[in-house]
Amino acid sequence: MDLTRGISAAQWGLIFDQRFPLESRSALVDRQKVVFAIRPVEKPQEEQFLRSRGFTEQARWTGPGHVVVKFVKP
């Protein structure tokens, strides 16, 4: 599930789905046990937010322009 997804492209009338900042989805994030953060290399804000919500990093994969991090919550 994409926790940042708001309105589908078809509903919104645009090519891309509407997205919300992860910080605005705290209630949804808090219900998860595992979260994968996929982000550009230069933008670690989501990782900081997830750590502040009690998640810890379990695995990390770095590609040419993006980082994928698996976070878990006890």
N, C-alpha and C. Protein backbone atom coordinates (compact mmCIF):
# COMPACT_ATOMS: atom_id res chain seq x y z
N MET A 1 0.84 -1.16 0.00
CA MET A 1 0.00 0.00 0.00
C MET A 1 0.90 1.24 0.00
N ASP A 2 0.59 2.18 -0.81
CA ASP A 2 1.32 3.45 -0.84
C ASP A 2 0.66 4.37 0.18
N LEU A 3 1.35 4.64 1.27
CA LEU A 3 0.78 5.45 2.35
C LEU A 3 0.60 6.92 1.97
N THR A 4 1.26 7.36 0.90
CA THR A 4 1.17 8.77 0.50
C THR A 4 0.11 9.01 -0.56
N ARG A 5 -0.51 7.96 -1.07
CA ARG A 5 -1.48 8.12 -2.15
C ARG A 5 -2.74 8.80 -1.63
N GLY A 6 -3.19 9.78 -2.36
CA GLY A 6 -4.40 10.50 -2.01
C GLY A 6 -5.53 10.13 -2.93
N ILE A 7 -5.57 10.71 -4.09
CA ILE A 7 -6.64 10.49 -5.06
C ILE A 7 -6.03 9.91 -6.33
N SER A 8 -6.69 8.92 -6.90
CA SER A 8 -6.17 8.31 -8.12
C SER A 8 -6.17 9.31 -9.27
N ALA A 9 -5.33 9.07 -10.23
CA ALA A 9 -5.23 9.95 -11.40
C ALA A 9 -6.57 10.08 -12.11
N ALA A 10 -7.28 8.98 -12.24
CA ALA A 10 -8.59 9.01 -12.91
C ALA A 10 -9.57 9.90 -12.17
N GLN A 11 -9.61 9.81 -10.86
CA GLN A 11 -10.51 10.65 -10.06
C GLN A 11 -10.09 12.11 -10.08
N TRP A 12 -8.77 12.33 -10.07
CA TRP A 12 -8.22 13.68 -9.98
C TRP A 12 -8.20 14.37 -11.33
N GLY A 13 -8.27 13.58 -12.42
CA GLY A 13 -8.28 14.14 -13.76
C GLY A 13 -6.91 14.49 -14.29
N LEU A 14 -5.86 13.90 -13.72
CA LEU A 14 -4.50 14.14 -14.17
C LEU A 14 -3.81 12.82 -14.47
N ILE A 15 -2.58 12.89 -14.96
CA ILE A 15 -1.84 11.69 -15.33
C ILE A 15 -1.35 10.95 -14.09
N PHE A 16 -0.91 11.68 -13.08
CA PHE A 16 -0.32 11.06 -11.89
C PHE A 16 -1.28 11.12 -10.71
N ASP A 17 -1.22 10.14 -9.82
CA ASP A 17 -2.02 10.17 -8.60
C ASP A 17 -1.62 11.35 -7.74
N GLN A 18 -2.57 11.86 -6.99
CA GLN A 18 -2.28 12.92 -6.03
C GLN A 18 -1.54 12.29 -4.85
N ARG A 19 -0.52 12.94 -4.35
CA ARG A 19 0.28 12.43 -3.23
C ARG A 19 0.24 13.41 -2.07
N PHE A 20 0.31 12.85 -0.88
CA PHE A 20 0.36 13.64 0.34
C PHE A 20 1.71 13.44 1.00
N PRO A 21 2.24 14.44 1.69
CA PRO A 21 3.48 14.24 2.44
C PRO A 21 3.28 13.14 3.48
N LEU A 22 4.29 12.34 3.69
CA LEU A 22 4.20 11.23 4.64
C LEU A 22 3.81 11.74 6.03
N GLU A 23 4.31 12.89 6.41
CA GLU A 23 4.03 13.45 7.73
C GLU A 23 2.53 13.67 7.96
N SER A 24 1.79 13.93 6.89
CA SER A 24 0.35 14.17 7.03
C SER A 24 -0.44 12.88 7.14
N ARG A 25 0.23 11.74 7.05
CA ARG A 25 -0.44 10.43 7.11
C ARG A 25 -0.06 9.67 8.38
N SER A 26 0.24 10.39 9.46
CA SER A 26 0.74 9.78 10.70
C SER A 26 -0.15 8.65 11.21
N ALA A 27 -1.45 8.84 11.21
CA ALA A 27 -2.35 7.80 11.73
C ALA A 27 -2.23 6.52 10.92
N LEU A 28 -2.11 6.63 9.63
CA LEU A 28 -1.96 5.46 8.77
C LEU A 28 -0.59 4.81 8.97
N VAL A 29 0.44 5.63 9.08
CA VAL A 29 1.80 5.12 9.30
C VAL A 29 1.86 4.36 10.62
N ASP A 30 1.26 4.89 11.66
CA ASP A 30 1.33 4.29 12.99
C ASP A 30 0.71 2.90 13.05
N ARG A 31 -0.18 2.56 12.14
CA ARG A 31 -0.83 1.25 12.13
C ARG A 31 0.00 0.17 11.44
N GLN A 32 1.10 0.57 10.80
CA GLN A 32 1.92 -0.36 10.03
C GLN A 32 3.00 -0.99 10.90
N LYS A 33 3.39 -2.21 10.56
CA LYS A 33 4.52 -2.88 11.22
C LYS A 33 5.78 -2.82 10.37
N VAL A 34 5.61 -2.76 9.04
CA VAL A 34 6.73 -2.70 8.10
C VAL A 34 6.43 -1.62 7.07
N VAL A 35 7.42 -0.78 6.80
CA VAL A 35 7.29 0.28 5.80
C VAL A 35 8.55 0.30 4.95
N PHE A 36 8.38 0.37 3.64
CA PHE A 36 9.51 0.55 2.73
C PHE A 36 9.49 2.01 2.28
N ALA A 37 10.58 2.72 2.55
CA ALA A 37 10.71 4.10 2.10
C ALA A 37 11.53 4.10 0.82
N ILE A 38 10.95 4.64 -0.24
CA ILE A 38 11.63 4.75 -1.53
C ILE A 38 11.77 6.24 -1.80
N ARG A 39 13.02 6.69 -1.90
CA ARG A 39 13.22 8.14 -1.99
C ARG A 39 14.45 8.47 -2.83
N PRO A 40 14.49 9.71 -3.33
CA PRO A 40 15.71 10.15 -3.99
C PRO A 40 16.87 10.16 -3.00
N VAL A 41 18.07 9.92 -3.47
CA VAL A 41 19.25 9.84 -2.62
C VAL A 41 19.40 11.08 -1.73
N GLU A 42 19.11 12.23 -2.27
CA GLU A 42 19.39 13.48 -1.54
C GLU A 42 18.27 13.92 -0.59
N LYS A 43 17.21 13.12 -0.38
CA LYS A 43 16.09 13.57 0.46
C LYS A 43 15.76 12.56 1.56
N PRO A 44 16.47 12.63 2.70
CA PRO A 44 16.27 11.65 3.77
C PRO A 44 15.14 11.99 4.75
N GLN A 45 14.30 12.98 4.47
CA GLN A 45 13.29 13.43 5.42
C GLN A 45 12.34 12.30 5.85
N GLU A 46 11.93 11.44 4.90
CA GLU A 46 11.01 10.37 5.26
C GLU A 46 11.63 9.41 6.27
N GLU A 47 12.93 9.16 6.12
CA GLU A 47 13.60 8.27 7.07
C GLU A 47 13.58 8.87 8.47
N GLN A 48 13.84 10.14 8.58
CA GLN A 48 13.82 10.81 9.88
C GLN A 48 12.43 10.74 10.50
N PHE A 49 11.41 10.94 9.68
CA PHE A 49 10.03 10.88 10.16
C PHE A 49 9.71 9.48 10.68
N LEU A 50 10.06 8.45 9.92
CA LEU A 50 9.76 7.07 10.34
C LEU A 50 10.48 6.71 11.63
N ARG A 51 11.72 7.15 11.78
CA ARG A 51 12.43 6.90 13.05
C ARG A 51 11.73 7.58 14.22
N SER A 52 11.21 8.78 13.99
CA SER A 52 10.51 9.50 15.05
C SER A 52 9.21 8.82 15.44
N ARG A 53 8.68 7.94 14.58
CA ARG A 53 7.44 7.21 14.86
C ARG A 53 7.72 5.83 15.44
N GLY A 54 8.98 5.52 15.77
CA GLY A 54 9.31 4.27 16.42
C GLY A 54 9.80 3.16 15.49
N PHE A 55 10.00 3.46 14.22
CA PHE A 55 10.51 2.46 13.27
C PHE A 55 12.03 2.40 13.34
N THR A 56 12.58 1.23 13.07
CA THR A 56 14.02 1.08 12.96
C THR A 56 14.36 0.50 11.60
N GLU A 57 15.50 0.88 11.11
CA GLU A 57 15.96 0.41 9.80
C GLU A 57 16.38 -1.06 9.89
N GLN A 58 15.86 -1.87 8.97
CA GLN A 58 16.24 -3.28 8.94
C GLN A 58 17.10 -3.62 7.73
N ALA A 59 16.92 -2.91 6.62
CA ALA A 59 17.70 -3.17 5.41
C ALA A 59 17.72 -1.91 4.56
N ARG A 60 18.75 -1.80 3.71
CA ARG A 60 18.91 -0.63 2.84
C ARG A 60 19.50 -1.07 1.51
N TRP A 61 18.92 -0.55 0.43
CA TRP A 61 19.43 -0.79 -0.91
C TRP A 61 19.58 0.56 -1.60
N THR A 62 20.75 0.81 -2.16
CA THR A 62 21.01 2.09 -2.83
C THR A 62 21.25 1.84 -4.31
N GLY A 63 20.51 2.59 -5.13
CA GLY A 63 20.66 2.51 -6.57
C GLY A 63 21.27 3.79 -7.09
N PRO A 64 21.26 3.99 -8.41
CA PRO A 64 21.90 5.16 -8.98
C PRO A 64 21.27 6.50 -8.56
N GLY A 65 19.98 6.53 -8.31
CA GLY A 65 19.37 7.81 -7.94
C GLY A 65 18.41 7.70 -6.78
N HIS A 66 18.12 6.48 -6.33
CA HIS A 66 17.15 6.28 -5.26
C HIS A 66 17.68 5.33 -4.20
N VAL A 67 17.08 5.45 -3.03
CA VAL A 67 17.39 4.58 -1.91
C VAL A 67 16.09 3.90 -1.49
N VAL A 68 16.15 2.61 -1.19
CA VAL A 68 15.02 1.87 -0.65
C VAL A 68 15.44 1.40 0.74
N VAL A 69 14.62 1.73 1.74
CA VAL A 69 14.94 1.35 3.10
C VAL A 69 13.73 0.63 3.70
N LYS A 70 14.01 -0.54 4.26
CA LYS A 70 12.95 -1.29 4.96
C LYS A 70 13.00 -0.91 6.43
N PHE A 71 11.87 -0.42 6.94
CA PHE A 71 11.72 -0.06 8.34
C PHE A 71 10.75 -1.01 9.01
N VAL A 72 11.01 -1.38 10.24
CA VAL A 72 10.11 -2.22 11.02
C VAL A 72 9.84 -1.56 12.37
N LYS A 73 8.69 -1.92 12.93
CA LYS A 73 8.32 -1.43 14.25
C LYS A 73 8.04 -2.62 15.14
N PRO A 74 8.62 -2.67 16.34
CA PRO A 74 8.38 -3.82 17.23
C PRO A 74 6.93 -3.93 17.66
